[in-house]
Amino acid sequence: MPRHPFPTVRAGAVAAVLALSLAACSSTPDAPPPELPAARAAIEQAAPDVLNRYAAVEMREARERLTAAEAAWRDERYEEARRAAAESLATVRLARARADAAQAEEAREDVARTIQTLESEVGLTAPATAPPVSTSPAETQAPSSQAPSSAPSASTTPPAGGR
């Protein structure tokens, strides 16, 4: 029986197919991307009363993105899982920033109200109904140098109705 002219080529081809098969199996990650547990931890560690009060929409979106990332991971769509987890983590961070900003604004408003109350109690603020004080020289001169007005007084005005 004739021997195959290229036995080493055949053996090399088989070895290459086996190597590619093993490489394909080894390219499947054993652990999820670092974004996935980071997003999960960020959501779990979030203060729900604060974040749900000030950034409820962002927190709902972060939870949805995390759920999508976990589903993609289970379905072996690894790049999609990584991307969705990263989006979830970024959204949690956005929610925290918005909540922090809202709390800071509330604190600023509270301090402003307290200052206003204290100023009014010690008389540091002028009443809102007081007319502005003028300091122009024309308005500060006494009107005694002016001639009497020729306008009729209220008592000499005839009553309405023609009498």
Protein backbone atom coordinates (compact mmCIF):
# COMPACT_ATOMS: atom_id res chain seq x y z
CA MET A 1 0.00 0.00 0.00
CA PRO A 2 1.43 3.33 -0.95
CA ARG A 3 2.21 5.70 1.82
CA HIS A 4 0.90 9.20 1.79
CA PRO A 5 3.55 11.46 0.37
CA PHE A 6 3.21 14.10 3.10
CA PRO A 7 2.57 12.38 6.44
CA THR A 8 4.07 15.25 8.37
CA VAL A 9 1.70 17.72 6.68
CA ARG A 10 -1.28 15.64 7.74
CA ALA A 11 -0.02 15.39 11.30
CA GLY A 12 0.70 19.13 11.28
CA ALA A 13 -2.82 19.90 10.08
CA VAL A 14 -4.34 17.74 12.80
CA ALA A 15 -2.14 19.44 15.38
CA ALA A 16 -3.17 22.88 14.10
CA VAL A 17 -6.87 22.00 14.28
CA LEU A 18 -6.44 20.73 17.82
CA ALA A 19 -4.49 23.85 18.81
CA LEU A 20 -7.18 26.14 17.39
CA SER A 21 -9.87 24.18 19.18
CA LEU A 22 -8.05 24.49 22.47
CA ALA A 23 -7.40 28.18 21.85
CA ALA A 24 -11.09 28.77 21.22
CA CYS A 25 -11.95 27.05 24.47
CA SER A 26 -9.31 28.94 26.38
CA SER A 27 -10.53 32.29 25.04
CA THR A 28 -13.73 31.85 27.05
CA PRO A 29 -13.11 33.91 30.20
CA ASP A 30 -13.29 32.11 33.50
CA ALA A 31 -14.17 35.25 35.42
CA PRO A 32 -16.47 38.10 34.50
CA PRO A 33 -14.95 41.41 33.48
CA PRO A 34 -13.99 43.57 36.48
CA GLU A 35 -16.75 46.03 35.63
CA LEU A 36 -19.44 43.47 36.42
CA PRO A 37 -18.66 42.87 40.11
CA ALA A 38 -17.76 46.57 40.49
CA ALA A 39 -21.18 47.62 39.18
CA ARG A 40 -22.91 45.03 41.36
CA ALA A 41 -21.03 46.27 44.45
CA ALA A 42 -21.72 49.93 43.63
CA ILE A 43 -25.45 49.26 43.41
CA GLU A 44 -25.48 47.16 46.57
CA GLN A 45 -23.51 49.78 48.53
CA ALA A 46 -25.62 52.69 47.33
CA ALA A 47 -27.71 54.40 49.98
CA PRO A 48 -31.19 53.63 48.62
CA ASP A 49 -33.02 56.33 50.57
CA VAL A 50 -30.71 59.07 49.27
CA LEU A 51 -30.18 57.85 45.72
CA ASN A 52 -33.79 56.86 45.15
CA ARG A 53 -34.90 60.28 46.41
CA TYR A 54 -32.54 62.38 44.30
CA ALA A 55 -31.59 60.11 41.39
CA ALA A 56 -34.27 57.44 41.07
CA VAL A 57 -34.18 57.39 37.27
CA GLU A 58 -30.42 56.88 37.18
CA MET A 59 -30.55 54.11 39.78
CA ARG A 60 -33.30 52.28 37.88
CA GLU A 61 -31.23 52.55 34.70
CA ALA A 62 -28.11 51.28 36.50
CA ARG A 63 -30.00 48.24 37.79
CA GLU A 64 -31.37 47.53 34.32
CA ARG A 65 -27.89 47.78 32.76
CA LEU A 66 -26.51 45.44 35.44
CA THR A 67 -29.27 42.91 34.72
CA ALA A 68 -28.47 43.14 31.00
CA ALA A 69 -24.75 42.67 31.72
CA GLU A 70 -25.39 39.58 33.81
CA ALA A 71 -27.66 38.11 31.13
CA ALA A 72 -25.07 38.80 28.43
CA TRP A 73 -22.41 37.12 30.56
CA ARG A 74 -24.58 34.01 31.00
CA ASP A 75 -25.18 33.94 27.23
CA GLU A 76 -21.41 34.20 26.60
CA ARG A 77 -21.67 37.61 24.97
CA TYR A 78 -18.64 38.78 26.87
CA GLU A 79 -18.00 42.11 25.18
CA GLU A 80 -21.64 43.12 25.56
CA ALA A 81 -21.49 42.07 29.22
CA ARG A 82 -18.39 44.19 29.79
CA ARG A 83 -19.92 47.22 28.07
CA ALA A 84 -23.26 46.97 29.91
CA ALA A 85 -21.49 46.55 33.25
CA ALA A 86 -19.33 49.60 32.56
CA GLU A 87 -22.45 51.60 31.67
CA SER A 88 -24.12 50.44 34.87
CA LEU A 89 -21.13 51.49 36.95
CA ALA A 90 -20.97 54.89 35.24
CA THR A 91 -24.69 55.40 35.82
CA VAL A 92 -24.37 54.63 39.53
CA ARG A 93 -21.57 57.18 39.74
CA LEU A 94 -23.76 59.72 37.96
CA ALA A 95 -26.59 59.01 40.40
CA ARG A 96 -24.25 59.58 43.35
CA ALA A 97 -23.02 62.85 41.86
CA ARG A 98 -26.57 64.09 41.26
CA ALA A 99 -27.64 63.10 44.77
CA ASP A 100 -24.60 64.84 46.26
CA ALA A 101 -25.34 67.98 44.24
CA ALA A 102 -29.00 67.99 45.30
CA GLN A 103 -28.08 67.55 48.95
CA ALA A 104 -25.52 70.36 48.70
CA GLU A 105 -28.15 72.64 47.14
CA GLU A 106 -30.60 71.85 49.93
CA ALA A 107 -27.92 72.61 52.52
CA ARG A 108 -27.09 75.90 50.76
CA GLU A 109 -30.76 76.91 50.76
CA ASP A 110 -31.06 76.00 54.44
CA VAL A 111 -28.02 78.11 55.33
CA ALA A 112 -29.36 81.04 53.28
CA ARG A 113 -32.71 80.85 55.13
CA THR A 114 -30.93 80.71 58.48
CA ILE A 115 -28.79 83.72 57.62
CA GLN A 116 -31.84 85.67 56.46
CA THR A 117 -33.68 84.82 59.68
CA LEU A 118 -30.73 85.84 61.85
CA GLU A 119 -30.23 89.10 59.96
CA SER A 120 -33.89 90.04 60.33
CA GLU A 121 -33.79 89.22 64.06
CA VAL A 122 -30.85 91.53 64.72
CA GLY A 123 -32.08 94.23 62.33
CA LEU A 124 -29.31 93.99 59.77
CA THR A 125 -31.64 93.93 56.80
CA ALA A 126 -33.84 96.83 55.79
CA PRO A 127 -37.53 96.08 55.37
CA ALA A 128 -38.50 95.31 51.80
CA THR A 129 -41.14 98.11 51.82
CA ALA A 130 -38.77 100.97 52.82
CA PRO A 131 -38.06 103.45 50.01
CA PRO A 132 -34.47 103.73 48.86
CA VAL A 133 -32.42 106.46 50.49
CA SER A 134 -31.20 109.12 48.06
CA THR A 135 -27.89 110.83 48.47
CA SER A 136 -28.02 113.27 45.54
CA PRO A 137 -27.40 116.95 46.54
CA ALA A 138 -30.51 118.25 44.71
CA GLU A 139 -32.83 116.08 46.76
CA THR A 140 -31.19 116.91 50.08
CA GLN A 141 -31.63 120.74 49.79
CA ALA A 142 -34.51 122.32 51.65
CA PRO A 143 -37.44 123.41 49.43
CA SER A 144 -37.82 126.77 51.34
CA SER A 145 -36.33 128.79 48.47
CA GLN A 146 -39.09 127.84 46.09
CA ALA A 147 -42.07 130.16 45.45
CA PRO A 148 -45.49 129.02 46.56
CA SER A 149 -47.37 126.97 44.06
CA SER A 150 -50.28 128.51 42.15
CA ALA A 151 -52.18 125.26 42.01
CA PRO A 152 -55.58 125.36 43.70
CA SER A 153 -55.87 123.57 46.98
CA ALA A 154 -58.18 120.64 47.51
CA SER A 155 -60.72 122.81 49.43
CA THR A 156 -61.25 125.21 46.50
CA THR A 157 -61.92 122.52 43.95
CA PRO A 158 -65.59 122.42 42.94
CA PRO A 159 -67.35 119.19 43.80
CA ALA A 160 -68.11 116.69 41.10
CA GLY A 161 -71.57 116.88 39.59
CA GLY A 162 -71.47 120.52 38.43
CA ARG A 163 -72.64 122.43 41.51
